[in-house]
C-alpha cells in the first residue's frame, strides 16, 4: 500500500457538508423518508466494479456520519489499497434512511478520487525505473483541489503548487506581457521573498539558455519533443529542477522520463481522469458490521 498523509477532518467536513446540502435541498430525501421506516436498519457494501486504487473513504464516511451519527463503516480496503473487481472496499451499517440519503454523495467523492488515484498509479508505473516524479497541476475542480491533489498522492504521485501563492511560475503569457524573460524574472525576484522559488516556462532551447543565465530555480519544458528534452536536460546539467509538460500519456511518459527530467506534470489526472466504478450493494454473504453482531 502506498504511503501518504491523510487529509485533516477540518478540510474534509465543510466540503462534504456543502455537497450534502446541495443534494438534500429544502426538503431532504423525499424518497427514503417516504419508503423506508425510520427505525429500519441495513448493511450495505461498497464494492469495486472494476480494479483500481481506493481513495476518498474518509469523505464517504463523513457523508454517512453527517447524515446520521449512528452509521458505522467497517473498512476492508483502506485508501491506497488496490481493489480487485468485485472486491468489498467497506461495509456500512446503521439506519437505512441515512445510508440511502448519503449514498450518492459518498459515492461521488469515492468514485472521483479513486479514479484520480488509479490514473496516477498507472502513470507512476509507466515511469518506474526513472528518476522522474509524476506531479499534478492546478487544473482541478473548483473547490475540490485539496481532495484531488490528495488523490494524486494516494496514487503515488506528487503535488505541484497548490495555488498561486505557493511559488512563482512565469508562463508564456507573463513573458509576452512583461516583454521578455529577463524582465519577468527580475521583476519576480524583486517582488518575491527569499523563501519563494522561481520557475520559468520555456518552449525552446534558446529560452532555456536565457532562463539558466538568470539562475532561476526550475524550468518548465513545455511541449518539447523527446529529443529537445534530452538536449535540455544536458544543458541544465543538474543546476535547476527540470519539469516536462504537454500531452503526457502512459504511452509517452516512459520516453519522456528516460530523458532524465526531474518532474513530469500531467493536468488530465485531475481534470479528465475517469471515475473508478464503485457501487453500494447488499452484501452477497449477508454479513453485518461488527458493531451490530
Protein backbone atom coordinates (compact mmCIF):
# COMPACT_ATOMS: atom_id res chain seq x y z
CA UNK A 1 0.00 0.00 0.00
CA UNK A 2 1.25 3.49 -0.84
CA UNK A 3 2.43 5.92 1.83
CA UNK A 4 0.71 9.32 2.04
CA UNK A 5 -0.58 11.88 4.54
CA UNK A 6 -4.37 11.79 5.01
CA UNK A 7 -6.42 14.96 4.83
CA UNK A 8 -7.36 16.51 8.19
CA UNK A 9 -11.02 16.42 9.19
CA UNK A 10 -11.20 20.22 9.26
CA UNK A 11 -10.59 20.19 5.48
CA UNK A 12 -12.95 17.34 4.69
CA UNK A 13 -16.03 18.19 6.74
CA UNK A 14 -17.05 21.54 5.17
CA UNK A 15 -16.68 20.15 1.65
CA UNK A 16 -18.80 17.10 2.42
CA UNK A 17 -21.35 19.20 4.28
CA UNK A 18 -21.72 21.51 1.26
CA UNK A 19 -22.21 18.53 -1.05
CA UNK A 20 -24.90 17.06 1.20
CA UNK A 21 -26.73 20.37 1.43
CA UNK A 22 -26.69 20.57 -2.36
CA UNK A 23 -28.35 17.15 -2.56
CA UNK A 24 -30.80 17.49 0.32
CA UNK A 25 -32.08 20.92 -0.70
CA UNK A 26 -35.05 22.27 1.25
CA UNK A 27 -36.99 19.07 1.93
CA UNK A 28 -34.44 16.32 2.46
CA UNK A 29 -34.61 12.86 0.94
CA UNK A 30 -38.28 12.60 -0.06
CA UNK A 31 -37.92 9.08 -1.43
CA UNK A 32 -36.16 7.42 1.50
CA UNK A 33 -38.31 9.23 4.07
CA UNK A 34 -41.44 8.00 2.32
CA UNK A 35 -40.39 4.43 1.55
CA UNK A 36 -38.13 3.40 4.47
CA UNK A 37 -39.44 3.20 8.08
CA UNK A 38 -37.46 5.48 10.40
CA UNK A 39 -36.32 2.57 12.61
CA UNK A 40 -35.20 0.25 9.78
CA UNK A 41 -31.52 -0.74 9.78
CA UNK A 42 -29.42 -2.18 6.97
CA UNK A 43 -25.94 -3.27 6.00
CA UNK A 44 -24.53 -2.32 2.61
CA UNK A 45 -21.17 -2.92 0.96
CA UNK A 46 -19.02 -0.50 -1.01
CA UNK A 47 -17.84 -2.76 -3.79
CA UNK A 48 -15.39 -2.09 -6.64
CA UNK A 49 -16.90 -2.89 -10.02
CA UNK A 50 -13.52 -2.57 -11.73
CA UNK A 51 -9.93 -2.82 -10.45
CA UNK A 52 -8.25 0.30 -9.14
CA UNK A 53 -6.69 2.24 -6.28
CA UNK A 54 -9.01 3.29 -3.46
CA UNK A 55 -9.09 6.94 -2.35
CA UNK A 56 -11.69 9.01 -0.52
CA UNK A 57 -13.00 6.69 2.17
CA UNK A 58 -12.78 9.41 4.81
CA UNK A 59 -15.05 11.60 2.71
CA UNK A 60 -17.52 8.78 2.21
CA UNK A 61 -17.51 8.11 5.96
CA UNK A 62 -18.14 11.78 6.71
CA UNK A 63 -21.08 11.81 4.29
CA UNK A 64 -22.74 8.94 6.15
CA UNK A 65 -21.91 10.30 9.62
CA UNK A 66 -23.16 13.80 8.89
CA UNK A 67 -26.49 12.37 7.78
CA UNK A 68 -26.78 10.01 10.76
CA UNK A 69 -24.17 9.65 13.51
CA UNK A 70 -25.39 6.10 14.20
CA UNK A 71 -23.97 4.83 10.91
CA UNK A 72 -20.77 2.81 11.17
CA UNK A 73 -18.21 1.96 8.49
CA UNK A 74 -16.02 -1.14 8.57
CA UNK A 75 -13.12 -0.63 6.14
CA UNK A 76 -11.72 -3.64 4.29
CA UNK A 77 -9.51 -1.87 1.70
CA UNK A 78 -8.21 1.49 3.02
CA UNK A 79 -7.08 4.42 0.91
CA UNK A 80 -4.01 3.49 -1.10
CA UNK A 81 -5.07 -0.15 -1.45
CA UNK A 82 -5.55 -1.83 -4.79
CA UNK A 83 -9.05 -3.27 -5.03
CA UNK A 84 -9.94 -6.03 -7.47
CA UNK A 85 -13.16 -6.03 -9.45
CA UNK A 86 -15.94 -7.31 -7.22
CA UNK A 87 -13.95 -6.80 -4.02
CA UNK A 88 -15.61 -5.25 -0.97
CA UNK A 89 -13.93 -1.99 -0.01
CA UNK A 90 -16.01 -1.33 3.10
CA UNK A 91 -19.27 -2.27 4.81
CA UNK A 92 -21.62 0.39 6.11
CA UNK A 93 -24.36 -0.33 8.57
CA UNK A 94 -26.92 1.61 10.55
CA UNK A 95 -30.23 3.41 9.97
CA UNK A 96 -31.35 2.56 6.45
CA UNK A 97 -32.69 6.02 5.66
CA UNK A 98 -29.35 7.61 6.42
CA UNK A 99 -27.49 5.04 4.34
CA UNK A 100 -29.61 5.74 1.27
CA UNK A 101 -29.64 9.52 1.79
CA UNK A 102 -25.84 9.76 1.93
CA UNK A 103 -25.21 7.10 -0.74
CA UNK A 104 -24.78 9.31 -3.81
CA UNK A 105 -22.68 11.99 -2.10
CA UNK A 106 -20.39 9.34 -0.62
CA UNK A 107 -20.02 7.57 -3.96
CA UNK A 108 -19.43 10.82 -5.86
CA UNK A 109 -16.39 11.53 -3.70
CA UNK A 110 -15.15 7.95 -3.56
CA UNK A 111 -15.51 7.21 -7.29
CA UNK A 112 -13.96 10.53 -8.34
CA UNK A 113 -10.94 10.35 -6.04
CA UNK A 114 -10.35 6.65 -6.64
CA UNK A 115 -10.38 7.36 -10.38
CA UNK A 116 -7.68 10.00 -9.95
CA UNK A 117 -5.61 7.72 -7.72
CA UNK A 118 -5.94 4.88 -10.22
CA UNK A 119 -4.90 7.04 -13.18
CA UNK A 120 -1.96 8.42 -11.20
CA UNK A 121 -0.82 4.93 -10.22
CA UNK A 122 -0.78 3.94 -13.91
CA UNK A 123 1.38 6.96 -14.75
CA UNK A 124 3.75 6.25 -11.86
CA UNK A 125 4.08 2.67 -13.02
CA UNK A 126 4.81 3.86 -16.57
CA UNK A 127 7.91 5.78 -15.43
CA UNK A 128 9.14 3.25 -12.88
CA UNK A 129 12.90 2.89 -13.01
CA UNK A 130 13.47 6.54 -13.91
CA UNK A 131 14.08 9.50 -11.61
CA UNK A 132 11.06 11.45 -12.82
CA UNK A 133 8.16 12.06 -10.44
CA UNK A 134 4.60 12.36 -11.72
CA UNK A 135 3.04 15.62 -10.50
CA UNK A 136 -0.40 17.15 -10.90
CA UNK A 137 -1.30 20.75 -11.76
CA UNK A 138 -3.83 23.45 -10.80
CA UNK A 139 -6.27 22.07 -13.41
CA UNK A 140 -8.65 20.91 -10.71
CA UNK A 141 -12.38 21.06 -9.99
CA UNK A 142 -13.10 24.42 -8.28
CA UNK A 143 -13.47 23.87 -4.54
CA UNK A 144 -12.09 20.33 -4.66
CA UNK A 145 -8.39 20.97 -5.23
CA UNK A 146 -7.24 19.70 -1.84
CA UNK A 147 -9.17 16.47 -2.37
CA UNK A 148 -7.97 15.87 -5.92
CA UNK A 149 -4.36 16.58 -5.05
CA UNK A 150 -4.73 14.20 -2.11
CA UNK A 151 -5.92 11.51 -4.54
CA UNK A 152 -2.79 12.07 -6.64
CA UNK A 153 -0.65 11.45 -3.57
CA UNK A 154 -2.65 8.30 -2.76
CA UNK A 155 -1.88 7.07 -6.27
CA UNK A 156 1.85 7.53 -5.71
CA UNK A 157 2.25 10.89 -7.43
CA UNK A 158 3.37 14.23 -6.03
CA UNK A 159 1.81 17.67 -5.92
CA UNK A 160 2.82 20.74 -7.87
CA UNK A 161 1.90 24.07 -6.27
CA UNK A 162 -1.49 24.20 -4.57
CA UNK A 163 -2.22 27.77 -5.58
CA UNK A 164 -0.85 31.00 -6.98
CA UNK A 165 0.59 31.84 -3.56
CA UNK A 166 2.86 28.78 -3.42
CA UNK A 167 5.57 29.95 -5.76
CA UNK A 168 6.37 31.96 -8.87
CA UNK A 169 5.73 30.21 -12.17
CA UNK A 170 6.40 32.59 -15.05
CA UNK A 171 4.49 31.27 -18.06
CA UNK A 172 4.42 32.31 -21.70
CA UNK A 173 1.72 34.96 -21.23
CA UNK A 174 3.62 36.53 -18.33
CA UNK A 175 6.71 36.75 -20.55
CA UNK A 176 4.73 38.13 -23.50
CA UNK A 177 3.18 40.90 -21.43
CA UNK A 178 6.37 41.68 -19.47
CA UNK A 179 8.33 41.90 -22.73
CA UNK A 180 10.98 39.20 -22.24
CA UNK A 181 12.20 36.53 -19.85
CA UNK A 182 14.82 38.74 -18.19
CA UNK A 183 12.34 41.47 -17.32
CA UNK A 184 9.84 38.95 -15.98
CA UNK A 185 12.41 37.15 -13.81
CA UNK A 186 13.95 40.36 -12.47
CA UNK A 187 10.53 41.72 -11.50
CA UNK A 188 9.61 38.43 -9.84
CA UNK A 189 12.85 38.31 -7.89
CA UNK A 190 12.39 41.88 -6.67
CA UNK A 191 8.81 41.15 -5.57
CA UNK A 192 9.04 37.67 -4.06
CA UNK A 193 10.51 36.85 -0.67
CA UNK A 194 13.71 34.90 -0.21
CA UNK A 195 11.76 31.70 0.55
CA UNK A 196 9.86 31.75 -2.75
CA UNK A 197 11.17 29.69 -5.66
CA UNK A 198 11.00 30.93 -9.24
CA UNK A 199 10.20 28.64 -12.17
CA UNK A 200 10.10 29.74 -15.81
CA UNK A 201 8.24 28.10 -18.67
CA UNK A 202 10.32 27.75 -21.83
CA UNK A 203 9.37 26.46 -25.26
CA UNK A 204 12.77 26.49 -26.93
CA UNK A 205 16.38 25.75 -26.06
CA UNK A 206 17.19 29.43 -26.66
CA UNK A 207 14.71 30.44 -23.97
CA UNK A 208 16.16 27.78 -21.69
CA UNK A 209 19.63 29.26 -22.09
CA UNK A 210 18.30 32.69 -21.04
CA UNK A 211 16.50 31.24 -18.02
CA UNK A 212 19.61 29.39 -16.87
CA UNK A 213 21.70 32.56 -17.16
CA UNK A 214 19.22 34.25 -14.80
CA UNK A 215 19.71 31.48 -12.19
CA UNK A 216 16.08 30.52 -11.76
CA UNK A 217 15.19 27.59 -9.51
CA UNK A 218 13.30 25.46 -12.02
CA UNK A 219 12.37 25.35 -15.68
CA UNK A 220 9.13 24.10 -17.21
CA UNK A 221 9.98 22.47 -20.53
CA UNK A 222 6.66 22.85 -22.30
CA UNK A 223 5.58 20.75 -25.29
CA UNK A 224 9.14 19.81 -26.24
CA UNK A 225 9.92 16.71 -28.25
CA UNK A 226 11.82 13.87 -26.60
CA UNK A 227 14.93 14.93 -28.50
CA UNK A 228 14.59 18.52 -27.27
CA UNK A 229 14.02 17.34 -23.72
CA UNK A 230 17.21 15.29 -23.83
CA UNK A 231 19.13 18.31 -25.06
CA UNK A 232 17.51 20.50 -22.41
CA UNK A 233 18.45 18.13 -19.59
CA UNK A 234 22.02 18.06 -20.86
CA UNK A 235 22.12 21.87 -20.98
CA UNK A 236 20.78 22.13 -17.43
CA UNK A 237 23.36 19.68 -16.11
CA UNK A 238 21.60 19.34 -12.77
CA UNK A 239 21.77 23.05 -11.95
CA UNK A 240 17.99 23.50 -11.67
CA UNK A 241 14.88 21.34 -11.44
CA UNK A 242 13.53 20.28 -14.82
CA UNK A 243 9.83 19.74 -15.41
CA UNK A 244 8.33 18.37 -18.62
CA UNK A 245 4.71 19.01 -19.58
CA UNK A 246 2.36 18.80 -22.53
CA UNK A 247 0.18 15.94 -23.79
CA UNK A 248 1.69 13.32 -21.49
CA UNK A 249 0.05 9.88 -21.55
CA UNK A 250 1.03 6.49 -20.08
CA UNK A 251 2.35 5.62 -23.58
CA UNK A 252 4.53 8.73 -23.98
CA UNK A 253 5.63 9.02 -20.33
CA UNK A 254 8.39 6.36 -20.40
CA UNK A 255 10.27 8.08 -23.23
CA UNK A 256 9.87 11.46 -21.53
CA UNK A 257 11.14 10.05 -18.22
CA UNK A 258 14.11 8.45 -20.00
CA UNK A 259 15.39 11.93 -20.94
CA UNK A 260 16.31 12.49 -17.28
CA UNK A 261 13.79 15.19 -16.34
CA UNK A 262 13.01 15.54 -12.64
CA UNK A 263 9.26 16.04 -12.92
CA UNK A 264 6.51 15.23 -15.40
CA UNK A 265 3.36 17.30 -14.87
CA UNK A 266 0.08 15.80 -16.03
CA UNK A 267 -3.00 18.03 -15.98
CA UNK A 268 -5.52 15.39 -17.05
CA UNK A 269 -5.02 13.42 -13.85
CA UNK A 270 -7.26 15.91 -12.06
CA UNK A 271 -9.38 17.32 -14.87
CA UNK A 272 -10.16 14.28 -17.02
CA UNK A 273 -9.35 11.01 -15.24
CA UNK A 274 -12.35 8.65 -15.46
CA UNK A 275 -14.04 7.67 -12.22
CA UNK A 276 -13.47 4.27 -10.67
CA UNK A 277 -16.82 2.48 -10.78
CA UNK A 278 -17.81 1.66 -7.19
CA UNK A 279 -21.30 0.65 -6.08
CA UNK A 280 -23.18 0.39 -2.80
CA UNK A 281 -24.87 -3.00 -2.68
CA UNK A 282 -26.40 -5.50 -0.28
CA UNK A 283 -23.52 -7.85 0.71
CA UNK A 284 -23.69 -11.23 -1.00
CA UNK A 285 -22.71 -13.02 2.21
CA UNK A 286 -25.35 -11.18 4.20
CA UNK A 287 -22.87 -10.40 6.98
CA UNK A 288 -23.44 -7.32 9.08
CA UNK A 289 -20.91 -4.93 10.57
CA UNK A 290 -19.10 -5.94 13.72
CA UNK A 291 -20.87 -3.47 15.99
CA UNK A 292 -24.26 -5.00 15.08
CA UNK A 293 -23.22 -8.62 15.79
